[in-house]
Every structure is written in C-alpha cells, then in structure tokens.
Amino acid sequence: MQNYLQQPQFARPMFYKALPIANEAEMNNYTVDFNGMPTYFHNQATNEIFVRQFDFRTGLTTTQKFVKSEPTSTPVNEIKTENNIDLYKEELDAIYGKIDGLQEAIKKLNKSDDIKGVKNAK
C-alpha cells in the first residue's frame, strides 16, 4: 500500500462585487453568483446599499437592504451657546448648594455623636 502525500490546499482569495445601480429593479435584474459570495449594490441617489447572495440552504437568493439614517442628536456647535451655558451654571449652583447642605448635615450628625459619646466610646 502506497502512502500519497497530500498536496497543500491554499485558500482561494475572496472577491467581492460592488456595483452602482440607479434603482432597485436594476439590482433585481442582475444575475447572482452561485458560489455564495455576496454582491453589493449601491444606489447613490437614495443612499441605499443592497446585498444579494445565493443561499445554499434554500436554493434562493437573499436580498438585504441598508439605508443610511440621519443623525438624531443635536450637532455640537448648536449646544454650546451663551444661553445654554447660563443654564448649566444655574444647575451647577443648585448642585453646589445641595452639597453644602449635605456637608452641614453631616457636621451636625458628627457633633451629636460626639455629645452622646457614641463616636469616642471605648
């Protein structure tokens, strides 16, 4: 019985297709590769990206659609205005007032413990 050496197998490089399209119908008319590699379609007019791929389990092509959404947060340059800074100063002053009140309450508690002898009890 002869032993044959197994030839090393090299991984195939993965190639992706990215194609510009004008509408979704154009993407649906394009033939999908049956090797399972995804094909990317970009519609610049509507800012959409489609991904089509052959699914080996079902034997059908799957299509996914991605749409870039607009940011919902306020830009930083609109947040830092003079009116907003004054609001932050008022909020900080209120917080500092609460901290001062808490510090005074702690001092009163410490003094009452000293009088009762609880803190310095032996």
Protein backbone atom coordinates (compact mmCIF):
# COMPACT_ATOMS: atom_id res chain seq x y z
CA MET A 1 0.00 0.00 0.00
CA GLN A 2 1.44 3.33 -1.02
CA ASN A 3 1.17 6.48 1.05
CA TYR A 4 0.46 9.51 -1.00
CA LEU A 5 1.41 12.90 0.32
CA GLN A 6 -1.46 15.27 0.46
CA GLN A 7 -0.93 18.40 -1.54
CA PRO A 8 -1.28 21.61 0.45
CA GLN A 9 -4.54 23.38 -0.20
CA PHE A 10 -4.46 27.13 -0.38
CA ALA A 11 -7.45 29.25 0.44
CA ARG A 12 -8.98 30.99 -2.51
CA PRO A 13 -8.91 34.75 -2.31
CA MET A 14 -12.33 36.24 -1.71
CA PHE A 15 -13.53 38.70 -4.30
CA TYR A 16 -16.45 40.98 -3.65
CA LYS A 17 -18.50 42.67 -6.31
CA ALA A 18 -19.69 46.20 -5.68
CA LEU A 19 -21.81 47.73 -8.41
CA PRO A 20 -23.53 51.10 -8.73
CA ILE A 21 -27.21 50.96 -9.62
CA ALA A 22 -29.90 53.51 -10.48
CA ASN A 23 -32.87 51.73 -8.88
CA GLU A 24 -33.93 48.51 -7.16
CA ALA A 25 -35.27 46.98 -10.37
CA GLU A 26 -31.81 47.17 -11.91
CA MET A 27 -30.44 45.25 -8.93
CA ASN A 28 -33.14 42.56 -9.27
CA ASN A 29 -32.23 42.02 -12.95
CA TYR A 30 -28.56 41.35 -12.17
CA THR A 31 -27.52 37.67 -12.04
CA VAL A 32 -26.26 36.45 -8.67
CA ASP A 33 -23.12 34.30 -8.37
CA PHE A 34 -23.92 30.75 -7.34
CA ASN A 35 -20.71 30.37 -5.35
CA GLY A 36 -22.29 32.10 -2.33
CA MET A 37 -20.24 35.30 -2.47
CA PRO A 38 -22.29 38.41 -1.74
CA THR A 39 -22.76 41.11 -4.35
CA TYR A 40 -23.10 44.69 -3.14
CA PHE A 41 -25.20 47.27 -4.95
CA HIS A 42 -25.07 50.97 -4.13
CA ASN A 43 -27.82 53.40 -5.09
CA GLN A 44 -26.28 56.81 -4.55
CA ALA A 45 -29.47 58.74 -5.32
CA THR A 46 -31.40 57.22 -2.41
CA ASN A 47 -28.30 56.40 -0.30
CA GLU A 48 -29.21 52.71 -0.12
CA ILE A 49 -26.99 49.64 -0.14
CA PHE A 50 -28.32 46.24 -1.22
CA VAL A 51 -26.62 42.89 -0.59
CA ARG A 52 -27.65 39.89 -2.71
CA GLN A 53 -26.34 36.42 -2.09
CA PHE A 54 -27.16 32.85 -3.11
CA ASP A 55 -28.41 30.80 -0.14
CA PHE A 56 -27.31 27.16 -0.32
CA ARG A 57 -29.89 26.01 2.23
CA THR A 58 -32.94 27.23 0.34
CA GLY A 59 -31.60 27.48 -3.20
CA LEU A 60 -32.89 31.07 -3.45
CA THR A 61 -31.23 34.43 -3.45
CA THR A 62 -31.49 36.62 -0.36
CA THR A 63 -31.57 40.39 -0.56
CA GLN A 64 -30.84 42.74 2.29
CA LYS A 65 -31.39 46.48 2.17
CA PHE A 66 -29.46 49.03 4.23
CA VAL A 67 -30.42 52.69 4.41
CA LYS A 68 -28.31 55.40 5.97
CA SER A 69 -30.38 57.22 8.57
CA GLU A 70 -30.00 60.84 9.51
CA PRO A 71 -28.42 61.60 12.90
CA THR A 72 -30.99 62.45 15.57
CA SER A 73 -28.67 64.18 18.03
CA THR A 74 -28.05 67.92 18.02
CA PRO A 75 -24.71 68.96 16.49
CA VAL A 76 -22.10 70.09 19.00
CA ASN A 77 -21.84 73.61 17.61
CA GLU A 78 -25.53 74.20 18.42
CA ILE A 79 -25.24 73.03 22.03
CA LYS A 80 -22.60 75.50 23.19
CA THR A 81 -24.40 78.82 23.20
CA GLU A 82 -24.39 81.54 25.84
CA ASN A 83 -27.95 80.77 26.96
CA ASN A 84 -27.17 77.09 27.50
CA ILE A 85 -24.00 77.92 29.43
CA ASP A 86 -26.05 80.10 31.78
CA LEU A 87 -28.46 77.19 32.31
CA TYR A 88 -25.55 74.91 33.16
CA LYS A 89 -24.22 77.49 35.63
CA GLU A 90 -27.61 77.62 37.36
CA GLU A 91 -27.73 73.83 37.57
CA LEU A 92 -24.19 73.71 38.96
CA ASP A 93 -25.03 76.35 41.57
CA ALA A 94 -28.04 74.28 42.64
CA ILE A 95 -25.87 71.17 42.93
CA TYR A 96 -23.24 73.06 44.94
CA GLY A 97 -25.99 74.30 47.26
CA LYS A 98 -27.17 70.74 47.84
CA ILE A 99 -23.61 69.58 48.53
CA ASP A 100 -23.13 72.39 51.05
CA GLY A 101 -26.40 71.44 52.76
CA LEU A 102 -25.32 67.80 52.96
CA GLN A 103 -21.94 68.77 54.41
CA GLU A 104 -23.66 70.82 57.12
CA ALA A 105 -26.00 67.93 57.93
CA ILE A 106 -23.01 65.58 58.25
CA LYS A 107 -21.27 68.04 60.59
CA LYS A 108 -24.42 68.21 62.75
CA LEU A 109 -24.57 64.41 62.91
CA ASN A 110 -20.90 64.22 63.91
CA LYS A 111 -21.42 66.82 66.65
CA SER A 112 -24.42 64.94 68.05
CA ASP A 113 -22.36 61.71 68.07
CA ASP A 114 -19.57 63.48 69.98
CA ILE A 115 -22.03 64.76 72.59
CA LYS A 116 -23.58 61.34 73.14
CA GLY A 117 -20.18 59.72 73.34
CA VAL A 118 -21.00 57.14 70.69
CA LYS A 119 -18.17 58.05 68.36
CA ASN A 120 -15.43 58.18 71.04
CA ALA A 121 -16.73 55.32 73.20
CA LYS A 122 -14.13 52.91 74.49
